[in-house]
Amino acid sequence: YNDPPVNTFLSICGVNAGVAAIPYCEPSFPNVLGDKCEALVQITSKAAYNRFVQQHLFQANYWRDPEKVDSREYKVHSQLARWGNEGLHFDQSLKDNFARTNKFVWVMAEEDLIVWPRQGEQWGAPDPTNPLKSVIPMKETDWYMNDSFGLKSADDAGKMFFESFRGNHLKFSIDDLSKWIDTYFK
């Protein structure tokens, strides 16, 4: 694993912490689909956490319904749960492999309507006490505080860097990209 080694990992608008809404259906944002968004999210959440869907629809791999993260279905079938050591079994190799990367750059689109919560692009997550109304920052998430796959260790080691740009999903400029490459890939 990690051969040749990944020295710097750049994630631009990545679904790092998963998504909990359909694009343009952010719970706190007036959207074009209106009430249909809630129905679509409920249908997606019911379908996402089974073996067949996880194996055949890549979008289900990063679906993270904040109201189901403690469910057996999520822990057993979600690839995202396994990658983040949220599943039924802890995998030390995930943490070891995460530690092998020297630098992580997490870029968030400040007006992203595709990834919800957009803060998940920098490891934020829906607040467990009010999951569809508020979002907590990375350092308040369970996977950070428990260091389940090495996020806190990487942060403590000074390996984490955060950038953002004004705009929607992947609508960054060439100047933004050049700046990130010049800054982090020297």
C-alpha atoms as a PDB file:
ATOM      1  CA  TYR A   1       0.000   0.000   0.000  1.00  0.00           C
ATOM      2  CA  ASN A   2       1.097   3.563  -0.768  1.00  0.00           C
ATOM      3  CA  ASP A   3       3.850   2.493  -3.142  1.00  0.00           C
ATOM      4  CA  PRO A   4       4.881   4.728  -4.726  1.00  0.00           C
ATOM      5  CA  PRO A   5       4.143   6.865  -1.676  1.00  0.00           C
ATOM      6  CA  VAL A   6       1.503   9.584  -1.707  1.00  0.00           C
ATOM      7  CA  ASN A   7       3.272  12.598  -0.290  1.00  0.00           C
ATOM      8  CA  THR A   8       0.488  15.150  -0.762  1.00  0.00           C
ATOM      9  CA  PHE A   9      -3.220  14.399  -1.141  1.00  0.00           C
ATOM     10  CA  LEU A  10      -5.340  17.235  -2.555  1.00  0.00           C
ATOM     11  CA  SER A  11      -9.111  16.892  -2.225  1.00  0.00           C
ATOM     12  CA  ILE A  12     -11.162  19.542  -4.032  1.00  0.00           C
ATOM     13  CA  CYS A  13     -14.854  19.455  -3.067  1.00  0.00           C
ATOM     14  CA  GLY A  14     -14.419  15.849  -1.984  1.00  0.00           C
ATOM     15  CA  VAL A  15     -17.179  13.913  -0.292  1.00  0.00           C
ATOM     16  CA  ASN A  16     -14.677  13.026   2.424  1.00  0.00           C
ATOM     17  CA  ALA A  17     -17.220  12.859   5.250  1.00  0.00           C
ATOM     18  CA  GLY A  18     -20.008  11.619   2.994  1.00  0.00           C
ATOM     19  CA  VAL A  19     -23.178  13.358   1.870  1.00  0.00           C
ATOM     20  CA  ALA A  20     -26.535  13.506   3.589  1.00  0.00           C
ATOM     21  CA  ALA A  21     -28.645  15.133   0.884  1.00  0.00           C
ATOM     22  CA  ILE A  22     -29.370  14.957  -2.817  1.00  0.00           C
ATOM     23  CA  PRO A  23     -27.619  17.694  -4.873  1.00  0.00           C
ATOM     24  CA  TYR A  24     -29.506  20.991  -4.650  1.00  0.00           C
ATOM     25  CA  CYS A  25     -31.614  19.563  -1.797  1.00  0.00           C
ATOM     26  CA  GLU A  26     -29.702  21.000   1.145  1.00  0.00           C
ATOM     27  CA  PRO A  27     -32.056  20.843   4.158  1.00  0.00           C
ATOM     28  CA  SER A  28     -31.571  24.485   5.162  1.00  0.00           C
ATOM     29  CA  PHE A  29     -31.663  25.951   1.637  1.00  0.00           C
ATOM     30  CA  PRO A  30     -34.747  26.808  -0.427  1.00  0.00           C
ATOM     31  CA  ASN A  31     -34.455  24.511  -3.419  1.00  0.00           C
ATOM     32  CA  VAL A  32     -36.072  23.983  -6.792  1.00  0.00           C
ATOM     33  CA  LEU A  33     -37.611  20.629  -5.834  1.00  0.00           C
ATOM     34  CA  GLY A  34     -39.358  21.887  -2.686  1.00  0.00           C
ATOM     35  CA  ASP A  35     -40.977  19.116  -0.621  1.00  0.00           C
ATOM     36  CA  LYS A  36     -39.793  16.488  -3.106  1.00  0.00           C
ATOM     37  CA  CYS A  37     -36.285  16.783  -1.651  1.00  0.00           C
ATOM     38  CA  GLU A  38     -37.282  15.295   1.687  1.00  0.00           C
ATOM     39  CA  ALA A  39     -38.968  12.363  -0.069  1.00  0.00           C
ATOM     40  CA  LEU A  40     -35.898  11.770  -2.263  1.00  0.00           C
ATOM     41  CA  VAL A  41     -33.599  11.804   0.770  1.00  0.00           C
ATOM     42  CA  GLN A  42     -35.833   9.310   2.609  1.00  0.00           C
ATOM     43  CA  ILE A  43     -35.921   6.977  -0.413  1.00  0.00           C
ATOM     44  CA  THR A  44     -32.152   7.228  -0.833  1.00  0.00           C
ATOM     45  CA  SER A  45     -31.544   6.512   2.849  1.00  0.00           C
ATOM     46  CA  LYS A  46     -33.746   3.420   2.770  1.00  0.00           C
ATOM     47  CA  ALA A  47     -31.999   2.057  -0.325  1.00  0.00           C
ATOM     48  CA  ALA A  48     -28.378   3.018   0.343  1.00  0.00           C
ATOM     49  CA  TYR A  49     -27.391   0.567   3.051  1.00  0.00           C
ATOM     50  CA  ASN A  50     -27.692  -2.829   1.485  1.00  0.00           C
ATOM     51  CA  ARG A  51     -25.016  -4.937  -0.126  1.00  0.00           C
ATOM     52  CA  PHE A  52     -26.391  -4.840  -3.671  1.00  0.00           C
ATOM     53  CA  VAL A  53     -26.736  -1.050  -3.774  1.00  0.00           C
ATOM     54  CA  GLN A  54     -23.305  -0.500  -2.203  1.00  0.00           C
ATOM     55  CA  GLN A  55     -21.717  -2.788  -4.822  1.00  0.00           C
ATOM     56  CA  HIS A  56     -23.505  -1.360  -7.866  1.00  0.00           C
ATOM     57  CA  LEU A  57     -24.172   2.353  -7.285  1.00  0.00           C
ATOM     58  CA  PHE A  58     -20.994   4.224  -6.445  1.00  0.00           C
ATOM     59  CA  GLN A  59     -22.976   7.220  -5.139  1.00  0.00           C
ATOM     60  CA  ALA A  60     -24.310   5.017  -2.317  1.00  0.00           C
ATOM     61  CA  ASN A  61     -20.725   4.465  -1.169  1.00  0.00           C
ATOM     62  CA  TYR A  62     -20.535   8.006   0.191  1.00  0.00           C
ATOM     63  CA  TRP A  63     -24.136   8.373   1.419  1.00  0.00           C
ATOM     64  CA  ARG A  64     -24.034   9.111   5.157  1.00  0.00           C
ATOM     65  CA  ASP A  65     -27.475   9.600   6.648  1.00  0.00           C
ATOM     66  CA  PRO A  66     -26.812  11.272  10.021  1.00  0.00           C
ATOM     67  CA  GLU A  67     -29.896   9.597  11.463  1.00  0.00           C
ATOM     68  CA  LYS A  68     -28.646   6.111  10.522  1.00  0.00           C
ATOM     69  CA  VAL A  69     -24.936   6.118  11.390  1.00  0.00           C
ATOM     70  CA  ASP A  70     -25.636   4.016  14.466  1.00  0.00           C
ATOM     71  CA  SER A  71     -27.774   1.512  12.557  1.00  0.00           C
ATOM     72  CA  ARG A  72     -26.646  -2.035  11.885  1.00  0.00           C
ATOM     73  CA  GLU A  73     -27.325  -1.546   8.153  1.00  0.00           C
ATOM     74  CA  TYR A  74     -24.916   1.395   7.981  1.00  0.00           C
ATOM     75  CA  LYS A  75     -22.212  -0.353  10.016  1.00  0.00           C
ATOM     76  CA  VAL A  76     -22.470  -3.613   8.044  1.00  0.00           C
ATOM     77  CA  HIS A  77     -23.068  -2.451   4.475  1.00  0.00           C
ATOM     78  CA  SER A  78     -21.697   1.088   4.100  1.00  0.00           C
ATOM     79  CA  GLN A  79     -18.304   1.299   2.435  1.00  0.00           C
ATOM     80  CA  LEU A  80     -17.951   4.783   3.904  1.00  0.00           C
ATOM     81  CA  ALA A  81     -18.411   3.283   7.380  1.00  0.00           C
ATOM     82  CA  ARG A  82     -15.637   0.777   6.693  1.00  0.00           C
ATOM     83  CA  TRP A  83     -13.281   3.416   5.262  1.00  0.00           C
ATOM     84  CA  GLY A  84     -13.793   5.611   8.345  1.00  0.00           C
ATOM     85  CA  ASN A  85     -13.592   2.720  10.829  1.00  0.00           C
ATOM     86  CA  GLU A  86     -17.236   3.286  11.789  1.00  0.00           C
ATOM     87  CA  GLY A  87     -18.229  -0.278  10.905  1.00  0.00           C
ATOM     88  CA  LEU A  88     -18.561  -3.258  13.197  1.00  0.00           C
ATOM     89  CA  HIS A  89     -14.842  -4.087  13.085  1.00  0.00           C
ATOM     90  CA  PHE A  90     -11.867  -1.799  13.639  1.00  0.00           C
ATOM     91  CA  ASP A  91      -9.198  -2.036  10.919  1.00  0.00           C
ATOM     92  CA  GLN A  92      -5.831  -0.708  12.155  1.00  0.00           C
ATOM     93  CA  SER A  93      -4.416  -0.846   8.613  1.00  0.00           C
ATOM     94  CA  LEU A  94      -6.732   2.038   7.610  1.00  0.00           C
ATOM     95  CA  LYS A  95      -5.204   4.220  10.305  1.00  0.00           C
ATOM     96  CA  ASP A  96      -1.673   3.073   9.472  1.00  0.00           C
ATOM     97  CA  ASN A  97      -2.140   3.768   5.770  1.00  0.00           C
ATOM     98  CA  PHE A  98      -3.681   7.223   6.389  1.00  0.00           C
ATOM     99  CA  ALA A  99      -0.595   8.086   8.463  1.00  0.00           C
ATOM    100  CA  ARG A 100       1.723   7.314   5.533  1.00  0.00           C
ATOM    101  CA  THR A 101       0.616  10.421   3.640  1.00  0.00           C
ATOM    102  CA  ASN A 102       2.691  13.482   4.508  1.00  0.00           C
ATOM    103  CA  LYS A 103       0.257  16.270   3.665  1.00  0.00           C
ATOM    104  CA  PHE A 104      -3.516  16.533   3.210  1.00  0.00           C
ATOM    105  CA  VAL A 105      -5.149  19.542   1.558  1.00  0.00           C
ATOM    106  CA  TRP A 106      -8.925  19.806   1.937  1.00  0.00           C
ATOM    107  CA  VAL A 107     -10.595  22.377  -0.330  1.00  0.00           C
ATOM    108  CA  MET A 108     -14.208  23.438   0.255  1.00  0.00           C
ATOM    109  CA  ALA A 109     -16.547  25.274  -2.095  1.00  0.00           C
ATOM    110  CA  GLU A 110     -18.131  27.914   0.134  1.00  0.00           C
ATOM    111  CA  GLU A 111     -21.383  27.863  -1.868  1.00  0.00           C
ATOM    112  CA  ASP A 112     -21.493  24.144  -2.674  1.00  0.00           C
ATOM    113  CA  LEU A 113     -25.027  22.892  -3.404  1.00  0.00           C
ATOM    114  CA  ILE A 114     -23.935  19.413  -4.521  1.00  0.00           C
ATOM    115  CA  VAL A 115     -22.272  18.198  -1.310  1.00  0.00           C
ATOM    116  CA  TRP A 116     -24.263  18.571   1.907  1.00  0.00           C
ATOM    117  CA  PRO A 117     -22.989  19.385   4.323  1.00  0.00           C
ATOM    118  CA  ARG A 118     -20.360  21.290   2.366  1.00  0.00           C
ATOM    119  CA  GLN A 119     -18.276  21.350   5.567  1.00  0.00           C
ATOM    120  CA  GLY A 120     -17.825  17.596   5.006  1.00  0.00           C
ATOM    121  CA  GLU A 121     -15.328  18.565   2.312  1.00  0.00           C
ATOM    122  CA  GLN A 122     -13.161  19.502   5.323  1.00  0.00           C
ATOM    123  CA  TRP A 123     -14.432  16.685   7.576  1.00  0.00           C
ATOM    124  CA  GLY A 124     -17.290  18.573   9.239  1.00  0.00           C
ATOM    125  CA  ALA A 125     -20.531  16.634   9.783  1.00  0.00           C
ATOM    126  CA  PRO A 126     -24.185  17.061  10.669  1.00  0.00           C
ATOM    127  CA  ASP A 127     -24.590  17.742  14.384  1.00  0.00           C
ATOM    128  CA  PRO A 128     -25.832  14.501  15.995  1.00  0.00           C
ATOM    129  CA  THR A 129     -28.140  16.521  18.278  1.00  0.00           C
ATOM    130  CA  ASN A 130     -29.810  18.331  15.353  1.00  0.00           C
ATOM    131  CA  PRO A 131     -28.609  16.561  12.198  1.00  0.00           C
ATOM    132  CA  LEU A 132     -30.680  18.301   9.548  1.00  0.00           C
ATOM    133  CA  LYS A 133     -30.295  21.819  10.906  1.00  0.00           C
ATOM    134  CA  SER A 134     -26.709  22.298  12.050  1.00  0.00           C
ATOM    135  CA  VAL A 135     -23.206  21.147  11.238  1.00  0.00           C
ATOM    136  CA  ILE A 136     -20.232  20.615  13.538  1.00  0.00           C
ATOM    137  CA  PRO A 137     -16.600  21.241  12.568  1.00  0.00           C
ATOM    138  CA  MET A 138     -14.083  18.452  12.067  1.00  0.00           C
ATOM    139  CA  LYS A 139     -12.608  18.676  15.589  1.00  0.00           C
ATOM    140  CA  GLU A 140     -16.018  17.990  17.163  1.00  0.00           C
ATOM    141  CA  THR A 141     -16.772  14.850  15.137  1.00  0.00           C
ATOM    142  CA  ASP A 142     -16.522  11.380  16.634  1.00  0.00           C
ATOM    143  CA  TRP A 143     -14.071  10.195  13.970  1.00  0.00           C
ATOM    144  CA  TYR A 144     -11.748  13.074  14.868  1.00  0.00           C
ATOM    145  CA  MET A 145     -12.060  12.844  18.667  1.00  0.00           C
ATOM    146  CA  ASN A 146     -11.715   9.031  18.582  1.00  0.00           C
ATOM    147  CA  ASP A 147      -9.033   9.219  15.884  1.00  0.00           C
ATOM    148  CA  SER A 148     -10.774   6.265  14.244  1.00  0.00           C
ATOM    149  CA  PHE A 149      -8.748   6.362  11.032  1.00  0.00           C
ATOM    150  CA  GLY A 150      -5.983   8.824  11.870  1.00  0.00           C
ATOM    151  CA  LEU A 151      -7.543  12.235  11.188  1.00  0.00           C
ATOM    152  CA  LYS A 152      -6.630  13.654  14.608  1.00  0.00           C
ATOM    153  CA  SER A 153      -3.145  12.138  14.450  1.00  0.00           C
ATOM    154  CA  ALA A 154      -2.589  13.777  11.059  1.00  0.00           C
ATOM    155  CA  ASP A 155      -3.850  17.104  12.410  1.00  0.00           C
ATOM    156  CA  ASP A 156      -1.655  16.850  15.523  1.00  0.00           C
ATOM    157  CA  ALA A 157       1.328  16.113  13.263  1.00  0.00           C
ATOM    158  CA  GLY A 158       0.695  19.293  11.227  1.00  0.00           C
ATOM    159  CA  LYS A 159      -0.267  17.373   8.078  1.00  0.00           C
ATOM    160  CA  MET A 160      -3.681  19.011   7.562  1.00  0.00           C
ATOM    161  CA  PHE A 161      -4.223  22.115   5.419  1.00  0.00           C
ATOM    162  CA  PHE A 162      -7.528  23.800   4.605  1.00  0.00           C
ATOM    163  CA  GLU A 163      -8.452  25.998   1.666  1.00  0.00           C
ATOM    164  CA  SER A 164     -11.716  27.283   0.248  1.00  0.00           C
ATOM    165  CA  PHE A 165     -13.041  29.255  -2.680  1.00  0.00           C
ATOM    166  CA  ARG A 166     -16.190  31.248  -3.351  1.00  0.00           C
ATOM    167  CA  GLY A 167     -18.500  29.344  -5.604  1.00  0.00           C
ATOM    168  CA  ASN A 168     -20.416  26.146  -6.177  1.00  0.00           C
ATOM    169  CA  HIS A 169     -19.106  22.589  -6.521  1.00  0.00           C
ATOM    170  CA  LEU A 170     -15.863  22.428  -8.550  1.00  0.00           C
ATOM    171  CA  LYS A 171     -16.303  26.010  -9.811  1.00  0.00           C
ATOM    172  CA  PHE A 172     -12.805  27.049  -8.783  1.00  0.00           C
ATOM    173  CA  SER A 173     -10.578  29.119 -11.043  1.00  0.00           C
ATOM    174  CA  ILE A 174      -7.346  28.109 -12.747  1.00  0.00           C
ATOM    175  CA  ASP A 175      -5.676  30.697 -10.507  1.00  0.00           C
ATOM    176  CA  ASP A 176      -7.025  28.871  -7.438  1.00  0.00           C
ATOM    177  CA  LEU A 177      -5.727  25.536  -8.713  1.00  0.00           C
ATOM    178  CA  SER A 178      -2.331  27.025  -9.577  1.00  0.00           C
ATOM    179  CA  LYS A 179      -2.079  28.543  -6.094  1.00  0.00           C
ATOM    180  CA  TRP A 180      -2.859  25.199  -4.406  1.00  0.00           C
ATOM    181  CA  ILE A 181      -0.362  23.325  -6.572  1.00  0.00           C
ATOM    182  CA  ASP A 182       2.357  25.957  -6.050  1.00  0.00           C
ATOM    183  CA  THR A 183       1.725  26.037  -2.294  1.00  0.00           C
ATOM    184  CA  TYR A 184       1.405  22.333  -1.507  1.00  0.00           C
ATOM    185  CA  PHE A 185       3.331  20.442  -4.181  1.00  0.00           C
ATOM    186  CA  LYS A 186       6.757  22.038  -3.889  1.00  0.00           C
END
